[in-house]
Amino acid sequence: VIRPEPCGVCGSRIRFGKTAIKCCQCHLLLHTKCQEQCPSLCAPRPRYHTWPREGVLADFAPRTRPLVPALVVQCVTEVETRGLTETGLYRVPGAEQLVREWKRRLLQAGGVLPALSSVTDIHVVCGVLKDFLRGLKEPLVTFSLHPAFLNAADILDDAACDAALRHIVSKLPPANRDTLAFLMLHLLRVSRSPECKMDVLNLSRVFGPTLVGHSSANPTPLAIMEDTPRQCKVMARLLSLPPDFWKGFVGTEQENLVPV
């Protein structure tokens, strides 16, 4: 189980990493211990719809909180399982052809994702995650809130800056807010790994353009030049917020999404 779901027989949640049984016709999901109580008849249901090739984050998010797309959860899980000793995580590029191919496979799979454990190079998994986030029609920091994030990051007083950023984060659409919180907690874990050699500044340079982006879909060359250092500044400020703030959005579900 990648994303915790309720058992179709007993109703209790099947947690992350647990083995479950799923009917190949109606997709009923249940605990292995509940197999004997499973109904003997079922009605076939349509297969999962393919995800769109592009869209806003909410188009890929699940229906229940935390609203983090399964693709993001699976990539982060794989990185944290076997990538936290890899130098240059997220900075070293993966093979471009493999990144495109795995992103295509994951998007086509929709809700039923193929295992990433067969991807030998963890940098390819990192590339899939970055490419997915870059390909969204709108960055996690939405166009409408983009100026507010830039202005908040410019506040010199640390306490006032933190308060302003917390307020603006809470105004993000739920899927954007939950996914941003999920990624911040992940990147903080990456920054604390001595082997990765990816501190907050390095991660801010990598993810600033992707997560913060610009205030419109078609920025002018001048806007791109002016925004780049400010994107990194916003990311660094967001990563300076305490983990408990971000955990408040993903809640106790965090331990079910990603292994500690």
Protein backbone atom coordinates (compact mmCIF):
# COMPACT_ATOMS: atom_id res chain seq x y z
CA VAL A 1 0.00 0.00 0.00
CA ILE A 2 1.41 3.37 -1.05
CA ARG A 3 -1.49 5.59 0.00
CA PRO A 4 -3.43 4.47 3.11
CA GLU A 5 -6.97 3.36 2.21
CA PRO A 6 -9.84 1.80 4.18
CA CYS A 7 -10.39 -1.94 4.04
CA GLY A 8 -13.53 -2.78 2.05
CA VAL A 9 -14.55 -5.42 4.63
CA CYS A 10 -13.73 -4.14 8.14
CA GLY A 11 -13.45 -0.43 7.28
CA SER A 12 -10.22 0.18 9.22
CA ARG A 13 -7.30 1.81 7.45
CA ILE A 14 -4.65 -0.25 5.68
CA ARG A 15 -1.43 1.61 6.48
CA PHE A 16 1.52 2.48 4.30
CA GLY A 17 3.82 -0.45 3.45
CA LYS A 18 1.32 -3.12 4.46
CA THR A 19 0.36 -5.98 2.13
CA ALA A 20 -3.22 -5.89 0.91
CA ILE A 21 -5.44 -7.83 -1.48
CA LYS A 22 -7.24 -6.14 -4.37
CA CYS A 23 -9.90 -7.66 -6.63
CA CYS A 24 -8.85 -7.48 -10.28
CA GLN A 25 -12.48 -6.92 -11.35
CA CYS A 26 -14.05 -4.46 -8.91
CA HIS A 27 -10.79 -3.22 -7.28
CA LEU A 28 -12.08 -3.89 -3.76
CA LEU A 29 -9.14 -3.47 -1.37
CA LEU A 30 -8.91 -5.40 1.90
CA HIS A 31 -6.58 -6.69 4.62
CA THR A 32 -5.17 -10.15 4.02
CA LYS A 33 -6.79 -11.21 7.31
CA CYS A 34 -10.20 -10.08 5.98
CA GLN A 35 -10.03 -12.25 2.87
CA GLU A 36 -12.39 -14.90 4.22
CA GLN A 37 -15.05 -12.26 4.93
CA CYS A 38 -14.82 -10.86 1.40
CA PRO A 39 -18.11 -10.93 -0.57
CA SER A 40 -18.13 -13.78 -3.07
CA LEU A 41 -19.68 -11.73 -5.87
CA CYS A 42 -18.63 -8.38 -7.26
CA ALA A 43 -19.56 -6.04 -10.06
CA PRO A 44 -16.74 -5.02 -12.42
CA ARG A 45 -15.87 -1.34 -12.26
CA PRO A 46 -14.12 0.78 -14.87
CA ARG A 47 -10.34 0.95 -14.64
CA TYR A 48 -8.57 4.00 -13.21
CA HIS A 49 -8.59 6.92 -15.58
CA THR A 50 -5.27 8.01 -17.02
CA TRP A 51 -4.06 11.23 -15.46
CA PRO A 52 -3.85 14.25 -17.75
CA ARG A 53 -0.46 15.00 -19.26
CA GLU A 54 -0.61 18.42 -17.66
CA GLY A 55 -2.87 20.26 -15.27
CA VAL A 56 -2.94 22.02 -11.93
CA LEU A 57 -1.92 20.03 -8.88
CA ALA A 58 -5.53 19.39 -7.76
CA ASP A 59 -6.07 17.37 -10.97
CA PHE A 60 -3.66 14.73 -9.64
CA ALA A 61 -4.50 14.83 -5.92
CA PRO A 62 -6.50 12.10 -4.10
CA ARG A 63 -9.98 12.81 -2.74
CA THR A 64 -9.01 12.46 0.91
CA ARG A 65 -6.36 14.29 2.94
CA PRO A 66 -3.51 14.69 2.84
CA LEU A 67 -4.03 15.86 -0.74
CA VAL A 68 -0.63 14.75 -2.07
CA PRO A 69 -0.56 13.11 -5.53
CA ALA A 70 0.42 9.43 -5.43
CA LEU A 71 3.22 10.08 -7.93
CA VAL A 72 4.81 12.57 -5.52
CA VAL A 73 4.41 10.18 -2.58
CA GLN A 74 5.92 7.27 -4.50
CA CYS A 75 8.93 9.25 -5.76
CA VAL A 76 9.65 10.70 -2.31
CA THR A 77 9.27 7.29 -0.69
CA GLU A 78 11.74 5.75 -3.12
CA VAL A 79 14.25 8.58 -2.62
CA GLU A 80 14.04 8.33 1.16
CA THR A 81 14.30 4.54 1.08
CA ARG A 82 17.55 4.34 -0.88
CA GLY A 83 18.72 7.81 -1.86
CA LEU A 84 19.67 9.64 1.32
CA THR A 85 23.29 8.50 1.01
CA GLU A 86 23.58 9.68 -2.61
CA THR A 87 25.77 12.73 -3.26
CA GLY A 88 24.09 15.57 -5.13
CA LEU A 89 20.53 14.35 -4.70
CA TYR A 90 18.22 16.46 -6.95
CA ARG A 91 21.24 18.34 -8.31
CA VAL A 92 22.75 15.49 -10.37
CA PRO A 93 20.51 14.89 -13.40
CA GLY A 94 19.14 11.46 -14.28
CA ALA A 95 19.14 10.10 -17.84
CA GLU A 96 16.66 12.34 -19.67
CA GLN A 97 15.15 9.53 -21.75
CA LEU A 98 14.49 7.38 -18.67
CA VAL A 99 12.99 10.34 -16.79
CA ARG A 100 10.55 11.00 -19.65
CA GLU A 101 9.67 7.32 -19.97
CA TRP A 102 8.99 6.79 -16.26
CA LYS A 103 6.99 9.99 -16.00
CA ARG A 104 4.88 8.81 -18.96
CA ARG A 105 4.34 5.40 -17.35
CA LEU A 106 3.32 6.89 -14.01
CA LEU A 107 0.89 9.34 -15.61
CA GLN A 108 -0.64 6.63 -17.77
CA ALA A 109 -1.03 4.37 -14.74
CA GLY A 110 -3.18 6.94 -12.93
CA GLY A 111 -4.07 5.54 -9.53
CA VAL A 112 -2.28 2.17 -9.96
CA LEU A 113 1.42 3.01 -10.06
CA PRO A 114 4.22 0.69 -11.23
CA ALA A 115 7.00 0.07 -8.68
CA LEU A 116 9.97 2.43 -8.87
CA SER A 117 12.24 -0.08 -7.16
CA SER A 118 13.23 -1.34 -10.61
CA VAL A 119 14.75 2.07 -11.48
CA THR A 120 18.45 1.49 -10.86
CA ASP A 121 19.53 5.15 -10.80
CA ILE A 122 17.86 7.08 -7.97
CA HIS A 123 18.63 10.32 -9.84
CA VAL A 124 16.08 9.21 -12.46
CA VAL A 125 13.43 9.06 -9.73
CA CYS A 126 14.45 12.55 -8.59
CA GLY A 127 14.18 13.69 -12.20
CA VAL A 128 10.66 12.29 -12.53
CA LEU A 129 9.52 14.21 -9.45
CA LYS A 130 11.10 17.47 -10.64
CA ASP A 131 9.76 17.04 -14.17
CA PHE A 132 6.24 16.37 -12.87
CA LEU A 133 6.32 19.53 -10.73
CA ARG A 134 7.78 21.60 -13.58
CA GLY A 135 5.10 20.34 -15.95
CA LEU A 136 2.18 21.65 -13.89
CA LYS A 137 0.18 24.48 -15.45
CA GLU A 138 0.71 26.46 -12.26
CA PRO A 139 3.51 26.08 -9.67
CA LEU A 140 2.74 25.08 -6.08
CA VAL A 141 3.11 28.75 -5.18
CA THR A 142 0.14 29.86 -7.27
CA PHE A 143 0.23 32.79 -9.70
CA SER A 144 -2.13 34.84 -7.56
CA LEU A 145 -0.11 34.38 -4.35
CA HIS A 146 3.31 34.63 -6.00
CA PRO A 147 3.84 38.38 -5.27
CA ALA A 148 2.80 37.86 -1.64
CA PHE A 149 5.41 35.12 -1.17
CA LEU A 150 8.15 37.29 -2.70
CA ASN A 151 7.23 40.27 -0.53
CA ALA A 152 7.06 38.14 2.63
CA ALA A 153 10.52 36.70 1.98
CA ASP A 154 11.92 40.25 1.72
CA ILE A 155 10.86 41.13 5.28
CA LEU A 156 14.07 41.66 7.25
CA ASP A 157 12.72 40.77 10.68
CA ASP A 158 12.81 36.97 10.94
CA ALA A 159 9.78 36.65 13.21
CA ALA A 160 7.66 38.92 11.01
CA CYS A 161 8.84 37.09 7.89
CA ASP A 162 7.92 33.71 9.36
CA ALA A 163 4.49 34.96 10.43
CA ALA A 164 3.79 36.37 6.97
CA LEU A 165 4.86 33.16 5.21
CA ARG A 166 2.75 30.99 7.53
CA HIS A 167 -0.28 33.14 6.77
CA ILE A 168 0.25 32.98 2.99
CA VAL A 169 0.88 29.21 3.01
CA SER A 170 -2.46 28.73 4.76
CA LYS A 171 -4.16 30.58 1.88
CA LEU A 172 -2.88 28.16 -0.78
CA PRO A 173 -5.38 25.72 -2.36
CA PRO A 174 -5.56 22.60 -0.14
CA ALA A 175 -3.74 20.29 -2.59
CA ASN A 176 -0.95 22.83 -3.13
CA ARG A 177 -0.62 23.46 0.61
CA ASP A 178 -0.52 19.76 1.57
CA THR A 179 1.93 18.88 -1.20
CA LEU A 180 4.18 21.83 -0.37
CA ALA A 181 4.21 20.75 3.29
CA PHE A 182 4.98 17.16 2.29
CA LEU A 183 7.87 18.27 0.07
CA MET A 184 9.28 20.68 2.66
CA LEU A 185 9.50 17.88 5.24
CA HIS A 186 11.19 15.67 2.65
CA LEU A 187 13.71 18.35 1.62
CA LEU A 188 14.54 19.06 5.25
CA ARG A 189 15.43 15.38 5.66
CA VAL A 190 17.60 15.56 2.54
CA SER A 191 19.36 18.69 3.86
CA ARG A 192 20.20 16.87 7.11
CA SER A 193 21.95 14.01 5.31
CA PRO A 194 25.74 14.61 5.32
CA GLU A 195 26.24 12.18 2.42
CA CYS A 196 23.88 14.09 0.10
CA LYS A 197 25.82 17.35 0.48
CA MET A 198 22.63 19.23 -0.35
CA ASP A 199 22.12 21.96 2.23
CA VAL A 200 19.17 24.36 2.30
CA LEU A 201 20.90 26.79 -0.07
CA ASN A 202 21.58 24.09 -2.68
CA LEU A 203 18.03 22.76 -2.45
CA SER A 204 16.65 26.28 -2.73
CA ARG A 205 18.56 26.82 -5.96
CA VAL A 206 17.23 23.56 -7.39
CA PHE A 207 13.60 23.85 -6.30
CA GLY A 208 13.06 27.63 -6.26
CA PRO A 209 12.28 27.93 -9.99
CA THR A 210 10.10 24.79 -9.86
CA LEU A 211 8.01 25.31 -6.73
CA VAL A 212 7.93 29.12 -6.58
CA GLY A 213 8.06 29.87 -10.30
CA HIS A 214 6.75 33.15 -11.69
CA SER A 215 3.58 35.23 -11.40
CA SER A 216 2.32 34.19 -14.84
CA ALA A 217 2.57 31.31 -17.29
CA ASN A 218 4.50 33.43 -19.79
CA PRO A 219 6.93 35.69 -17.88
CA THR A 220 8.99 38.25 -19.74
CA PRO A 221 12.77 37.80 -19.99
CA LEU A 222 13.15 40.67 -17.50
CA ALA A 223 10.78 38.98 -15.04
CA ILE A 224 12.70 35.70 -15.34
CA MET A 225 15.98 37.47 -14.59
CA GLU A 226 14.54 39.37 -11.62
CA ASP A 227 12.59 36.42 -10.19
CA THR A 228 15.37 33.82 -10.12
CA PRO A 229 17.26 35.03 -7.00
CA ARG A 230 13.96 35.81 -5.24
CA GLN A 231 12.63 32.30 -5.93
CA CYS A 232 15.63 30.85 -4.11
CA LYS A 233 15.12 33.30 -1.26
CA VAL A 234 11.47 32.23 -0.84
CA MET A 235 12.49 28.55 -0.82
CA ALA A 236 15.20 29.14 1.78
CA ARG A 237 12.72 31.01 3.97
CA LEU A 238 10.12 28.27 3.63
CA LEU A 239 12.71 25.64 4.57
CA SER A 240 13.60 27.69 7.65
CA LEU A 241 10.08 27.27 9.04
CA PRO A 242 9.95 24.60 11.78
CA PRO A 243 8.94 21.04 10.76
CA ASP A 244 6.00 21.12 13.19
CA PHE A 245 4.41 23.86 11.08
CA TRP A 246 4.50 21.66 7.99
CA LYS A 247 3.40 18.57 9.92
CA GLY A 248 0.27 20.49 10.86
CA PHE A 249 -0.94 20.18 7.25
CA VAL A 250 -0.07 16.54 6.59
CA GLY A 251 -0.85 15.59 10.20
CA THR A 252 -0.29 12.10 11.57
CA GLU A 253 -0.74 10.80 8.02
CA GLN A 254 2.89 11.75 7.38
CA GLU A 255 4.10 8.54 8.99
CA ASN A 256 1.78 6.58 6.71
CA LEU A 257 3.02 8.32 3.56
CA VAL A 258 6.77 8.13 3.97
CA PRO A 259 8.92 5.85 6.13
CA VAL A 260 10.86 7.76 8.80
